[in-house]
Amino acid sequence: MTSPHIPSVPIEEVPAEFDAAAPWATTAPAPALLVDVREDDEWRLGHAPGALHIPLVDLPPRLDELDYDAQIYVICRQGGRSVQAVQYLESVGFEAVMVSGGMVAWQQAGRALTGDDPAAAKIY
């Protein structure tokens, strides 16, 4: 799902640092965060190793976990929740973009996945 009014990037433009279990804020070339807004059960099945998990419903009370100076990449399963999250984040002053195709596209692109059982991590 995409929207012409919501900034988005393809999977290929998401920094490779998120393929590794690294600190959430990267340093090069600028601070960046990958925020996964899916539900807990989806997260447990599989997610990007360097992502920060904040379910969409929990985003407003957890804004203090985000950096206003960071480029924020928002991801969900396919894009619906990311659109809502990016709209909200931009309305409160963050620079955010949705990741087109979400975690389905992430898995299709062969990007790293981890989960409760890293050997069996999956999105679909």
Protein backbone atom coordinates (compact mmCIF):
# COMPACT_ATOMS: atom_id res chain seq x y z
CA MET A 1 0.00 0.00 0.00
CA THR A 2 1.27 3.46 -0.87
CA SER A 3 -0.12 6.96 -0.82
CA PRO A 4 1.00 9.84 -3.05
CA HIS A 5 0.94 12.13 0.01
CA ILE A 6 3.14 9.93 2.19
CA PRO A 7 6.90 9.92 1.64
CA SER A 8 8.10 6.41 0.92
CA VAL A 9 11.26 4.54 -0.02
CA PRO A 10 11.80 1.13 -1.58
CA ILE A 11 13.47 -1.64 0.44
CA GLU A 12 16.74 -1.01 -1.41
CA GLU A 13 17.01 2.47 0.13
CA VAL A 14 16.73 1.27 3.73
CA PRO A 15 20.22 1.32 5.29
CA ALA A 16 21.94 -2.06 5.49
CA GLU A 17 22.70 -1.46 9.18
CA PHE A 18 19.18 -2.66 9.98
CA ASP A 19 20.07 -6.14 8.70
CA ALA A 20 22.21 -6.63 11.82
CA ALA A 21 21.32 -6.50 15.48
CA ALA A 22 22.84 -3.07 15.97
CA PRO A 23 21.98 -0.03 18.07
CA TRP A 24 18.73 1.51 16.86
CA ALA A 25 20.31 4.83 16.03
CA THR A 26 22.89 4.59 13.28
CA THR A 27 25.55 7.23 12.80
CA ALA A 28 26.41 7.24 9.09
CA PRO A 29 25.62 9.24 7.11
CA ALA A 30 22.97 10.55 9.53
CA PRO A 31 21.14 9.02 12.47
CA ALA A 32 18.40 6.64 11.33
CA LEU A 33 15.78 4.43 12.94
CA LEU A 34 13.74 1.57 11.52
CA VAL A 35 10.47 1.51 13.46
CA ASP A 36 8.34 -1.63 13.10
CA VAL A 37 4.71 -0.79 13.92
CA ARG A 38 3.29 -4.32 13.64
CA GLU A 39 1.63 -6.18 16.50
CA ASP A 40 3.55 -8.29 19.02
CA ASP A 41 2.64 -11.64 17.43
CA GLU A 42 3.84 -10.45 14.00
CA TRP A 43 7.09 -9.15 15.53
CA ARG A 44 7.80 -12.46 17.27
CA LEU A 45 7.47 -14.39 13.99
CA GLY A 46 10.05 -12.28 12.20
CA HIS A 47 11.51 -8.79 12.04
CA ALA A 48 14.56 -6.86 10.91
CA PRO A 49 17.34 -7.43 13.46
CA GLY A 50 18.06 -3.70 13.87
CA ALA A 51 14.44 -2.53 14.12
CA LEU A 52 12.78 -0.83 17.06
CA HIS A 53 9.38 -2.39 17.80
CA ILE A 54 6.62 0.07 18.64
CA PRO A 55 3.14 -1.21 17.71
CA LEU A 56 1.06 1.47 15.97
CA VAL A 57 -1.34 1.80 18.90
CA ASP A 58 1.62 2.43 21.24
CA LEU A 59 3.31 5.07 19.10
CA PRO A 60 1.92 8.24 20.78
CA PRO A 61 2.93 7.34 24.35
CA ARG A 62 6.37 6.08 23.23
CA LEU A 63 7.50 9.11 21.21
CA ASP A 64 10.27 9.73 23.73
CA GLU A 65 12.04 6.62 22.35
CA LEU A 66 12.48 8.37 18.99
CA ASP A 67 15.10 10.93 17.97
CA TYR A 68 13.84 14.13 16.30
CA ASP A 69 17.18 14.39 14.48
CA ALA A 70 16.97 10.88 13.00
CA GLN A 71 15.58 9.81 9.66
CA ILE A 72 12.81 7.42 10.63
CA TYR A 73 11.91 4.51 8.38
CA VAL A 74 8.52 3.04 9.29
CA ILE A 75 7.65 -0.52 8.38
CA CYS A 76 4.68 -2.82 8.90
CA ARG A 77 3.52 -5.95 7.08
CA GLN A 78 2.57 -4.35 3.74
CA GLY A 79 2.09 -0.62 4.25
CA GLY A 80 -1.32 0.21 5.72
CA ARG A 81 -0.17 0.87 9.26
CA SER A 82 3.01 2.57 8.03
CA VAL A 83 0.94 5.19 6.23
CA GLN A 84 -0.88 6.00 9.47
CA ALA A 85 2.35 6.04 11.50
CA VAL A 86 4.17 8.34 9.05
CA GLN A 87 1.21 10.74 8.97
CA TYR A 88 1.20 10.90 12.75
CA LEU A 89 4.98 11.21 13.13
CA GLU A 90 5.16 14.03 10.58
CA SER A 91 2.32 15.84 12.35
CA VAL A 92 4.36 15.94 15.57
CA GLY A 93 7.63 17.03 13.93
CA PHE A 94 9.54 13.89 12.95
CA GLU A 95 11.07 13.19 9.55
CA ALA A 96 9.57 9.84 8.62
CA VAL A 97 9.15 7.73 5.51
CA MET A 98 7.30 4.50 4.98
CA VAL A 99 9.10 1.47 3.62
CA SER A 100 7.21 0.44 0.47
CA GLY A 101 5.98 -3.13 0.53
CA GLY A 102 6.71 -3.52 4.24
CA MET A 103 8.10 -6.67 5.78
CA VAL A 104 6.69 -8.78 2.94
CA ALA A 105 8.98 -6.90 0.53
CA TRP A 106 11.78 -7.10 3.10
CA GLN A 107 11.61 -10.90 3.13
CA GLN A 108 11.20 -11.09 -0.67
CA ALA A 109 14.36 -8.98 -1.07
CA GLY A 110 16.30 -11.46 1.06
CA ARG A 111 17.00 -8.99 3.85
CA ALA A 112 17.93 -10.41 7.26
CA LEU A 113 15.20 -11.65 9.59
CA THR A 114 15.19 -12.68 13.21
CA GLY A 115 12.41 -13.64 15.62
CA ASP A 116 11.64 -15.72 18.68
CA ASP A 117 13.11 -18.66 16.72
CA PRO A 118 15.77 -17.03 14.48
CA ALA A 119 16.10 -20.23 12.43
CA ALA A 120 12.41 -20.13 11.53
CA ALA A 121 11.91 -16.34 11.27
CA LYS A 122 9.39 -15.43 8.57
CA ILE A 123 6.85 -12.86 7.53
CA TYR A 124 4.59 -15.00 5.35
